[in-house]
PDB file of N, CA and C in Angstrom:
ATOM      1  N   MET A   1     125.846  97.280-185.587  1.00  0.00           N
ATOM      2  CA  MET A   1     125.592  98.783-184.214  1.00  0.00           C
ATOM      3  C   MET A   1     127.093  99.297-184.295  1.00  0.00           C
ATOM      4  N   GLU A   2     126.940 100.083-183.599  1.00  0.00           N
ATOM      5  CA  GLU A   2     128.143 100.708-183.327  1.00  0.00           C
ATOM      6  C   GLU A   2     128.683 100.943-181.714  1.00  0.00           C
ATOM      7  N   ALA A   3     129.605 100.857-181.574  1.00  0.00           N
ATOM      8  CA  ALA A   3     130.278 100.452-179.916  1.00  0.00           C
ATOM      9  C   ALA A   3     130.089 101.990-179.679  1.00  0.00           C
ATOM     10  N   ILE A   4     129.462 101.937-177.920  1.00  0.00           N
ATOM     11  CA  ILE A   4     129.619 103.521-177.637  1.00  0.00           C
ATOM     12  C   ILE A   4     130.810 103.704-176.343  1.00  0.00           C
ATOM     13  N   LEU A   5     130.933 102.825-176.075  1.00  0.00           N
ATOM     14  CA  LEU A   5     131.603 102.452-174.883  1.00  0.00           C
ATOM     15  C   LEU A   5     133.175 101.840-174.948  1.00  0.00           C
ATOM     16  N   GLU A   6     134.487 102.576-174.386  1.00  0.00           N
ATOM     17  CA  GLU A   6     135.872 102.117-174.295  1.00  0.00           C
ATOM     18  C   GLU A   6     136.370 101.065-173.050  1.00  0.00           C
ATOM     19  N   ARG A   7     135.421 101.147-172.155  1.00  0.00           N
ATOM     20  CA  ARG A   7     135.773 100.521-171.095  1.00  0.00           C
ATOM     21  C   ARG A   7     134.252  99.876-170.584  1.00  0.00           C
ATOM     22  N   CYS A   8     134.362  98.655-169.639  1.00  0.00           N
ATOM     23  CA  CYS A   8     133.148  98.287-168.775  1.00  0.00           C
ATOM     24  C   CYS A   8     133.929  97.251-167.928  1.00  0.00           C
ATOM     25  N   ALA A   9     133.202  97.609-166.795  1.00  0.00           N
ATOM     26  CA  ALA A   9     133.604  96.199-165.475  1.00  0.00           C
ATOM     27  C   ALA A   9     132.655  95.550-164.556  1.00  0.00           C
ATOM     28  N   ARG A  10     133.074  94.658-164.094  1.00  0.00           N
ATOM     29  CA  ARG A  10     132.203  93.675-163.190  1.00  0.00           C
ATOM     30  C   ARG A  10     132.807  93.335-162.369  1.00  0.00           C
ATOM     31  N   LEU A  11     131.917  93.325-161.328  1.00  0.00           N
ATOM     32  CA  LEU A  11     132.835  92.880-159.632  1.00  0.00           C
ATOM     33  C   LEU A  11     131.893  91.655-159.496  1.00  0.00           C
ATOM     34  N   ASP A  12     132.025  90.813-159.280  1.00  0.00           N
ATOM     35  CA  ASP A  12     131.274  89.519-158.978  1.00  0.00           C
ATOM     36  C   ASP A  12     131.844  89.371-157.001  1.00  0.00           C
ATOM     37  N   VAL A  13     131.329  89.693-156.214  1.00  0.00           N
ATOM     38  CA  VAL A  13     131.460  89.219-154.556  1.00  0.00           C
ATOM     39  C   VAL A  13     131.082  88.576-154.061  1.00  0.00           C
ATOM     40  N   HIS A  14     132.079  87.678-153.576  1.00  0.00           N
ATOM     41  CA  HIS A  14     132.137  86.615-152.261  1.00  0.00           C
ATOM     42  C   HIS A  14     132.383  87.035-151.078  1.00  0.00           C
ATOM     43  N   GLN A  15     132.387  85.897-149.938  1.00  0.00           N
ATOM     44  CA  GLN A  15     132.388  86.164-148.802  1.00  0.00           C
ATOM     45  C   GLN A  15     134.068  86.643-148.487  1.00  0.00           C
ATOM     46  N   GLU A  16     134.859  85.527-148.958  1.00  0.00           N
ATOM     47  CA  GLU A  16     136.412  85.839-149.110  1.00  0.00           C
ATOM     48  C   GLU A  16     137.195  86.764-149.854  1.00  0.00           C
ATOM     49  N   THR A  17     136.292  86.908-151.000  1.00  0.00           N
ATOM     50  CA  THR A  17     136.934  87.170-152.370  1.00  0.00           C
ATOM     51  C   THR A  17     136.128  88.055-152.986  1.00  0.00           C
ATOM     52  N   VAL A  18     136.444  89.195-154.047  1.00  0.00           N
ATOM     53  CA  VAL A  18     136.493  90.112-154.790  1.00  0.00           C
ATOM     54  C   VAL A  18     136.832  89.751-156.069  1.00  0.00           C
ATOM     55  N   VAL A  19     135.830  89.555-157.281  1.00  0.00           N
ATOM     56  CA  VAL A  19     136.352  89.022-158.950  1.00  0.00           C
ATOM     57  C   VAL A  19     135.997  90.758-159.422  1.00  0.00           C
ATOM     58  N   ALA A  20     137.751  90.680-159.828  1.00  0.00           N
ATOM     59  CA  ALA A  20     137.316  92.179-161.130  1.00  0.00           C
ATOM     60  C   ALA A  20     137.567  91.560-162.204  1.00  0.00           C
ATOM     61  N   PHE A  21     136.677  92.058-163.434  1.00  0.00           N
ATOM     62  CA  PHE A  21     137.153  91.526-165.242  1.00  0.00           C
ATOM     63  C   PHE A  21     136.559  93.002-165.592  1.00  0.00           C
ATOM     64  N   VAL A  22     137.523  93.158-166.023  1.00  0.00           N
ATOM     65  CA  VAL A  22     137.662  94.583-166.914  1.00  0.00           C
ATOM     66  C   VAL A  22     137.886  94.126-168.477  1.00  0.00           C
ATOM     67  N   LEU A  23     137.041  94.771-168.988  1.00  0.00           N
ATOM     68  CA  LEU A  23     137.568  95.194-170.567  1.00  0.00           C
ATOM     69  C   LEU A  23     138.066  96.460-171.335  1.00  0.00           C
ATOM     70  N   TYR A  24     138.542  96.250-172.053  1.00  0.00           N
ATOM     71  CA  TYR A  24     139.499  98.049-172.480  1.00  0.00           C
ATOM     72  C   TYR A  24     139.941  97.534-173.236  1.00  0.00           C
ATOM     73  N   GLU A  25     139.651  99.125-174.232  1.00  0.00           N
ATOM     74  CA  GLU A  25     141.314  99.296-175.177  1.00  0.00           C
ATOM     75  C   GLU A  25     139.801 100.386-176.241  1.00  0.00           C
ATOM     76  N   ASN A  26     140.729 100.472-177.285  1.00  0.00           N
ATOM     77  CA  ASN A  26     139.975 101.842-178.011  1.00  0.00           C
ATOM     78  C   ASN A  26     139.254 101.345-179.452  1.00  0.00           C
ATOM     79  N   LEU A  27     138.189 101.820-179.866  1.00  0.00           N
ATOM     80  CA  LEU A  27     136.794 101.126-180.187  1.00  0.00           C
ATOM     81  C   LEU A  27     137.019 100.822-181.575  1.00  0.00           C
ATOM     82  N   ASP A  28     138.297 100.725-181.675  1.00  0.00           N
ATOM     83  CA  ASP A  28     138.509 100.212-183.519  1.00  0.00           C
ATOM     84  C   ASP A  28     139.354  98.740-183.562  1.00  0.00           C
ATOM     85  N   ARG A  29     139.346  98.422-182.031  1.00  0.00           N
ATOM     86  CA  ARG A  29     140.639  97.833-181.770  1.00  0.00           C
ATOM     87  C   ARG A  29     139.197  96.124-181.070  1.00  0.00           C
ATOM     88  N   LYS A  30     140.178  95.212-181.055  1.00  0.00           N
ATOM     89  CA  LYS A  30     139.849  94.116-180.332  1.00  0.00           C
ATOM     90  C   LYS A  30     139.686  94.517-178.483  1.00  0.00           C
ATOM     91  N   PRO A  31     139.038  94.016-177.722  1.00  0.00           N
ATOM     92  CA  PRO A  31     139.310  94.588-176.172  1.00  0.00           C
ATOM     93  C   PRO A  31     140.043  94.121-175.986  1.00  0.00           C
ATOM     94  N   THR A  32     140.633  94.126-174.835  1.00  0.00           N
ATOM     95  CA  THR A  32     141.635  93.572-173.978  1.00  0.00           C
ATOM     96  C   THR A  32     140.816  93.693-172.603  1.00  0.00           C
ATOM     97  N   GLN A  33     141.338  92.176-171.976  1.00  0.00           N
ATOM     98  CA  GLN A  33     140.454  91.927-171.209  1.00  0.00           C
ATOM     99  C   GLN A  33     141.555  91.514-170.378  1.00  0.00           C
ATOM    100  N   GLU A  34     140.871  91.654-168.370  1.00  0.00           N
ATOM    101  CA  GLU A  34     141.731  91.683-167.525  1.00  0.00           C
ATOM    102  C   GLU A  34     140.760  91.095-166.568  1.00  0.00           C
ATOM    103  N   ILE A  35     141.497  90.196-165.421  1.00  0.00           N
ATOM    104  CA  ILE A  35     140.886  89.717-164.305  1.00  0.00           C
ATOM    105  C   ILE A  35     141.829  89.217-163.237  1.00  0.00           C
ATOM    106  N   ARG A  36     141.013  89.767-162.122  1.00  0.00           N
ATOM    107  CA  ARG A  36     142.190  89.618-161.152  1.00  0.00           C
ATOM    108  C   ARG A  36     140.877  89.561-159.873  1.00  0.00           C
ATOM    109  N   THR A  37     141.637  88.983-159.074  1.00  0.00           N
ATOM    110  CA  THR A  37     140.720  88.348-157.670  1.00  0.00           C
ATOM    111  C   THR A  37     141.655  88.978-156.001  1.00  0.00           C
ATOM    112  N   PHE A  38     140.682  89.881-155.894  1.00  0.00           N
ATOM    113  CA  PHE A  38     140.754  89.920-153.917  1.00  0.00           C
ATOM    114  C   PHE A  38     140.527  90.105-153.005  1.00  0.00           C
ATOM    115  N   SER A  39     140.915  90.129-151.881  1.00  0.00           N
ATOM    116  CA  SER A  39     140.417  89.163-150.469  1.00  0.00           C
ATOM    117  C   SER A  39     139.590  90.777-150.120  1.00  0.00           C
ATOM    118  N   THR A  40     138.956  90.228-149.205  1.00  0.00           N
ATOM    119  CA  THR A  40     137.762  91.068-148.646  1.00  0.00           C
ATOM    120  C   THR A  40     137.683  91.751-147.550  1.00  0.00           C
ATOM    121  N   THR A  41     139.674  91.635-147.368  1.00  0.00           N
ATOM    122  CA  THR A  41     140.111  92.477-146.318  1.00  0.00           C
ATOM    123  C   THR A  41     140.599  94.040-146.110  1.00  0.00           C
ATOM    124  N   THR A  42     140.867  94.667-145.446  1.00  0.00           N
ATOM    125  CA  THR A  42     140.843  95.981-145.638  1.00  0.00           C
ATOM    126  C   THR A  42     141.975  96.177-146.795  1.00  0.00           C
ATOM    127  N   LYS A  43     143.118  95.049-146.691  1.00  0.00           N
ATOM    128  CA  LYS A  43     144.194  95.660-147.636  1.00  0.00           C
ATOM    129  C   LYS A  43     143.856  95.069-149.235  1.00  0.00           C
ATOM    130  N   GLY A  44     142.938  93.575-149.330  1.00  0.00           N
ATOM    131  CA  GLY A  44     142.016  93.454-150.441  1.00  0.00           C
ATOM    132  C   GLY A  44     141.467  94.221-151.169  1.00  0.00           C
ATOM    133  N   LEU A  45     140.430  95.026-150.682  1.00  0.00           N
ATOM    134  CA  LEU A  45     139.704  95.995-151.021  1.00  0.00           C
ATOM    135  C   LEU A  45     140.328  97.484-151.353  1.00  0.00           C
ATOM    136  N   LEU A  46     141.592  97.733-150.719  1.00  0.00           N
ATOM    137  CA  LEU A  46     142.274  99.099-150.997  1.00  0.00           C
ATOM    138  C   LEU A  46     143.025  98.581-152.590  1.00  0.00           C
ATOM    139  N   ALA A  47     143.737  97.178-152.328  1.00  0.00           N
ATOM    140  CA  ALA A  47     144.453  96.861-153.676  1.00  0.00           C
ATOM    141  C   ALA A  47     143.314  96.678-155.009  1.00  0.00           C
ATOM    142  N   LEU A  48     142.088  96.971-154.987  1.00  0.00           N
ATOM    143  CA  LEU A  48     140.795  96.470-155.528  1.00  0.00           C
ATOM    144  C   LEU A  48     140.632  98.383-155.733  1.00  0.00           C
ATOM    145  N   TYR A  49     140.431  99.200-155.144  1.00  0.00           N
ATOM    146  CA  TYR A  49     140.558 100.698-155.627  1.00  0.00           C
ATOM    147  C   TYR A  49     141.725 101.443-156.280  1.00  0.00           C
ATOM    148  N   ASP A  50     142.907 100.385-155.930  1.00  0.00           N
ATOM    149  CA  ASP A  50     144.022 101.298-156.184  1.00  0.00           C
ATOM    150  C   ASP A  50     144.235 100.943-157.801  1.00  0.00           C
ATOM    151  N   TRP A  51     143.746  99.750-158.109  1.00  0.00           N
ATOM    152  CA  TRP A  51     143.928  98.986-159.538  1.00  0.00           C
ATOM    153  C   TRP A  51     142.973  99.797-160.445  1.00  0.00           C
TER     154      TRP A  51
END
């Protein structure tokens, strides 16, 4: 099967945190993954937006 996406993301939303998971890379390489946790305060959500 041929891959058609270079980037995908997932958000797990909880009462006090949001966990963001991202896979990205060129289609001919193994994907790189990043996982970051943000607070649900305004400051934390703006940091998620800027990420």
